Amino acid sequence: MDAQGGEDRAEYGTQLNFSQKLTVEFGVSFSTQNLPNMRQFYLTFSNCYTLCSELSWSHYRRIMRIPNASEREFYIKECSE
């Protein structure tokens, strides 16, 4: 565990190397700044079968910070309408 009580995190150099490899293979969306957001997205929505296609990555970045799953669902519905 790390100092904040969360799971162990990769060293910065490792994350940078991983980011560079992903960027070469898949494009610029895999910056070192974006990798933690992608990880949080996976952890937040890993049990969802489908997600609202009307919402953007910016919407999900905001919504996934809401700790309560029911509240997240409410805001997903509201944003898509």
N, C-alpha and C. Protein backbone atom coordinates (compact mmCIF):
# COMPACT_ATOMS: atom_id res chain seq x y z
N MET A 1 0.84 -1.19 0.00
CA MET A 1 0.00 0.00 0.00
C MET A 1 0.88 1.24 0.00
N ASP A 2 0.34 2.30 -0.58
CA ASP A 2 1.09 3.54 -0.58
C ASP A 2 0.79 4.36 0.67
N ALA A 3 1.39 5.52 0.79
CA ALA A 3 1.26 6.35 1.98
C ALA A 3 -0.18 6.83 2.20
N GLN A 4 -0.99 6.85 1.14
CA GLN A 4 -2.36 7.33 1.25
C GLN A 4 -3.33 6.19 1.53
N GLY A 5 -2.84 4.98 1.73
CA GLY A 5 -3.70 3.86 2.04
C GLY A 5 -4.27 3.18 0.81
N GLY A 6 -3.85 3.61 -0.38
CA GLY A 6 -4.34 3.01 -1.62
C GLY A 6 -3.42 1.89 -2.08
N GLU A 7 -3.71 1.39 -3.25
CA GLU A 7 -2.87 0.34 -3.81
C GLU A 7 -1.52 0.92 -4.18
N ASP A 8 -0.51 0.03 -4.31
CA ASP A 8 0.81 0.47 -4.74
C ASP A 8 0.72 1.11 -6.11
N ARG A 9 1.52 2.11 -6.31
CA ARG A 9 1.54 2.81 -7.59
C ARG A 9 2.90 2.60 -8.24
N ALA A 10 2.90 2.69 -9.56
CA ALA A 10 4.15 2.55 -10.29
C ALA A 10 5.03 3.77 -10.05
N GLU A 11 6.32 3.55 -10.08
CA GLU A 11 7.25 4.67 -10.00
C GLU A 11 7.03 5.57 -11.21
N TYR A 12 7.37 6.87 -11.08
CA TYR A 12 7.12 7.81 -12.15
C TYR A 12 7.79 7.38 -13.46
N GLY A 13 9.03 6.95 -13.39
CA GLY A 13 9.74 6.53 -14.60
C GLY A 13 9.07 5.36 -15.29
N THR A 14 8.54 4.44 -14.51
CA THR A 14 7.83 3.29 -15.07
C THR A 14 6.56 3.76 -15.76
N GLN A 15 5.84 4.66 -15.12
CA GLN A 15 4.60 5.19 -15.70
C GLN A 15 4.92 5.97 -16.97
N LEU A 16 5.99 6.74 -16.97
CA LEU A 16 6.37 7.50 -18.15
C LEU A 16 6.70 6.56 -19.30
N ASN A 17 7.47 5.50 -19.02
CA ASN A 17 7.82 4.53 -20.05
C ASN A 17 6.57 3.85 -20.60
N PHE A 18 5.65 3.47 -19.72
CA PHE A 18 4.40 2.84 -20.13
C PHE A 18 3.59 3.80 -20.99
N SER A 19 3.52 5.06 -20.58
CA SER A 19 2.80 6.08 -21.33
C SER A 19 3.40 6.24 -22.73
N GLN A 20 4.70 6.26 -22.82
CA GLN A 20 5.36 6.41 -24.12
C GLN A 20 5.04 5.23 -25.02
N LYS A 21 5.07 4.02 -24.48
CA LYS A 21 4.76 2.83 -25.28
C LYS A 21 3.32 2.86 -25.79
N LEU A 22 2.38 3.22 -24.89
CA LEU A 22 0.98 3.30 -25.30
C LEU A 22 0.75 4.39 -26.33
N THR A 23 1.43 5.52 -26.17
CA THR A 23 1.29 6.63 -27.11
C THR A 23 1.77 6.23 -28.50
N VAL A 24 2.89 5.52 -28.57
CA VAL A 24 3.40 5.06 -29.86
C VAL A 24 2.39 4.12 -30.52
N GLU A 25 1.82 3.22 -29.71
CA GLU A 25 0.92 2.21 -30.27
C GLU A 25 -0.49 2.73 -30.55
N PHE A 26 -1.02 3.61 -29.66
CA PHE A 26 -2.44 3.99 -29.75
C PHE A 26 -2.71 5.48 -29.95
N GLY A 27 -1.73 6.34 -29.77
CA GLY A 27 -1.94 7.77 -29.97
C GLY A 27 -1.75 8.59 -28.71
N VAL A 28 -1.99 9.89 -28.83
CA VAL A 28 -1.62 10.85 -27.79
C VAL A 28 -2.49 10.85 -26.54
N SER A 29 -3.57 10.12 -26.52
CA SER A 29 -4.47 10.12 -25.36
C SER A 29 -3.87 9.46 -24.12
N PHE A 30 -2.74 8.78 -24.27
CA PHE A 30 -2.18 8.01 -23.17
C PHE A 30 -1.03 8.74 -22.47
N SER A 31 -1.24 10.02 -22.18
CA SER A 31 -0.22 10.81 -21.48
C SER A 31 -0.11 10.35 -20.03
N THR A 32 0.99 10.70 -19.40
CA THR A 32 1.16 10.34 -17.98
C THR A 32 0.09 11.00 -17.12
N GLN A 33 -0.44 12.14 -17.54
CA GLN A 33 -1.50 12.80 -16.79
C GLN A 33 -2.83 12.07 -16.95
N ASN A 34 -3.04 11.44 -18.09
CA ASN A 34 -4.32 10.80 -18.36
C ASN A 34 -4.39 9.36 -17.83
N LEU A 35 -3.27 8.69 -17.64
CA LEU A 35 -3.29 7.31 -17.16
C LEU A 35 -3.99 7.14 -15.82
N PRO A 36 -3.77 8.00 -14.82
CA PRO A 36 -4.51 7.86 -13.56
C PRO A 36 -6.02 8.02 -13.75
N ASN A 37 -6.44 8.91 -14.66
CA ASN A 37 -7.87 9.06 -14.94
C ASN A 37 -8.44 7.80 -15.57
N MET A 38 -7.69 7.19 -16.47
CA MET A 38 -8.15 5.95 -17.09
C MET A 38 -8.26 4.82 -16.06
N ARG A 39 -7.31 4.77 -15.15
CA ARG A 39 -7.35 3.76 -14.10
C ARG A 39 -8.56 3.98 -13.19
N GLN A 40 -8.80 5.24 -12.82
CA GLN A 40 -9.95 5.55 -11.97
C GLN A 40 -11.25 5.22 -12.70
N PHE A 41 -11.31 5.48 -14.00
CA PHE A 41 -12.50 5.15 -14.78
C PHE A 41 -12.77 3.65 -14.72
N TYR A 42 -11.71 2.86 -14.93
CA TYR A 42 -11.87 1.41 -14.88
C TYR A 42 -12.34 0.95 -13.50
N LEU A 43 -11.75 1.48 -12.46
CA LEU A 43 -12.13 1.07 -11.10
C LEU A 43 -13.55 1.51 -10.76
N THR A 44 -13.97 2.66 -11.25
CA THR A 44 -15.30 3.18 -10.95
C THR A 44 -16.39 2.47 -11.74
N PHE A 45 -16.13 2.20 -13.01
CA PHE A 45 -17.16 1.67 -13.89
C PHE A 45 -16.89 0.25 -14.36
N SER A 46 -16.06 -0.50 -13.66
CA SER A 46 -15.69 -1.84 -14.11
C SER A 46 -16.86 -2.81 -14.11
N ASN A 47 -17.90 -2.57 -13.34
CA ASN A 47 -19.05 -3.47 -13.29
C ASN A 47 -20.19 -3.03 -14.19
N CYS A 48 -19.99 -2.01 -14.99
CA CYS A 48 -21.05 -1.51 -15.86
C CYS A 48 -21.01 -2.24 -17.20
N TYR A 49 -22.15 -2.66 -17.65
CA TYR A 49 -22.22 -3.34 -18.94
C TYR A 49 -22.15 -2.34 -20.09
N THR A 50 -22.88 -1.26 -19.97
CA THR A 50 -22.83 -0.22 -20.99
C THR A 50 -22.77 1.13 -20.31
N LEU A 51 -22.20 2.06 -21.00
CA LEU A 51 -22.16 3.43 -20.51
C LEU A 51 -22.84 4.33 -21.52
N CYS A 52 -23.28 5.45 -21.07
CA CYS A 52 -24.01 6.39 -21.92
C CYS A 52 -23.08 6.94 -23.00
N SER A 53 -23.42 6.71 -24.26
CA SER A 53 -22.57 7.18 -25.36
C SER A 53 -22.71 8.68 -25.60
N GLU A 54 -23.71 9.31 -25.00
CA GLU A 54 -23.88 10.75 -25.19
C GLU A 54 -22.90 11.57 -24.35
N LEU A 55 -22.28 10.96 -23.36
CA LEU A 55 -21.38 11.70 -22.48
C LEU A 55 -19.95 11.66 -23.00
N SER A 56 -19.24 12.73 -22.75
CA SER A 56 -17.84 12.82 -23.16
C SER A 56 -16.92 12.33 -22.05
N TRP A 57 -15.65 12.20 -22.39
CA TRP A 57 -14.63 11.84 -21.41
C TRP A 57 -14.61 12.87 -20.28
N SER A 58 -14.81 14.14 -20.58
CA SER A 58 -14.84 15.18 -19.56
C SER A 58 -15.99 14.97 -18.58
N HIS A 59 -17.15 14.57 -19.09
CA HIS A 59 -18.28 14.27 -18.20
C HIS A 59 -17.89 13.14 -17.25
N TYR A 60 -17.36 12.06 -17.81
CA TYR A 60 -17.02 10.90 -16.97
C TYR A 60 -15.91 11.23 -15.98
N ARG A 61 -14.97 12.08 -16.35
CA ARG A 61 -13.91 12.45 -15.41
C ARG A 61 -14.50 13.15 -14.19
N ARG A 62 -15.52 13.96 -14.40
CA ARG A 62 -16.19 14.63 -13.26
C ARG A 62 -17.05 13.65 -12.47
N ILE A 63 -17.86 12.89 -13.19
CA ILE A 63 -18.81 11.99 -12.53
C ILE A 63 -18.12 10.89 -11.74
N MET A 64 -17.00 10.37 -12.22
CA MET A 64 -16.36 9.26 -11.53
C MET A 64 -15.74 9.68 -10.19
N ARG A 65 -15.68 10.95 -9.93
CA ARG A 65 -15.18 11.42 -8.63
C ARG A 65 -16.26 11.42 -7.55
N ILE A 66 -17.50 11.14 -7.94
CA ILE A 66 -18.60 11.06 -6.98
C ILE A 66 -18.54 9.68 -6.32
N PRO A 67 -18.37 9.60 -5.00
CA PRO A 67 -18.16 8.31 -4.36
C PRO A 67 -19.40 7.40 -4.33
N ASN A 68 -20.57 7.96 -4.33
CA ASN A 68 -21.80 7.18 -4.21
C ASN A 68 -22.29 6.73 -5.59
N ALA A 69 -22.45 5.41 -5.79
CA ALA A 69 -22.84 4.86 -7.08
C ALA A 69 -24.22 5.34 -7.53
N SER A 70 -25.15 5.46 -6.60
CA SER A 70 -26.50 5.94 -6.96
C SER A 70 -26.46 7.38 -7.44
N GLU A 71 -25.66 8.19 -6.78
CA GLU A 71 -25.52 9.58 -7.21
C GLU A 71 -24.87 9.66 -8.58
N ARG A 72 -23.85 8.82 -8.84
CA ARG A 72 -23.22 8.79 -10.16
C ARG A 72 -24.25 8.46 -11.24
N GLU A 73 -25.07 7.43 -10.99
CA GLU A 73 -26.10 7.04 -11.95
C GLU A 73 -27.07 8.19 -12.22
N PHE A 74 -27.45 8.91 -11.16
CA PHE A 74 -28.33 10.06 -11.31
C PHE A 74 -27.72 11.09 -12.25
N TYR A 75 -26.45 11.44 -12.02
CA TYR A 75 -25.81 12.46 -12.84
C TYR A 75 -25.57 11.98 -14.26
N ILE A 76 -25.28 10.72 -14.46
CA ILE A 76 -25.14 10.18 -15.82
C ILE A 76 -26.45 10.35 -16.57
N LYS A 77 -27.56 10.00 -15.90
CA LYS A 77 -28.87 10.13 -16.53
C LYS A 77 -29.17 11.60 -16.83
N GLU A 78 -28.94 12.47 -15.86
CA GLU A 78 -29.23 13.90 -16.04
C GLU A 78 -28.38 14.49 -17.17
N CYS A 79 -27.11 14.15 -17.21
CA CYS A 79 -26.23 14.71 -18.25
C CYS A 79 -26.61 14.21 -19.64
N SER A 80 -27.07 12.97 -19.73
CA SER A 80 -27.42 12.44 -21.05
C SER A 80 -28.72 13.02 -21.57
N GLU A 81 -29.56 13.51 -20.66
CA GLU A 81 -30.83 14.12 -21.09
C GLU A 81 -30.59 15.58 -21.42
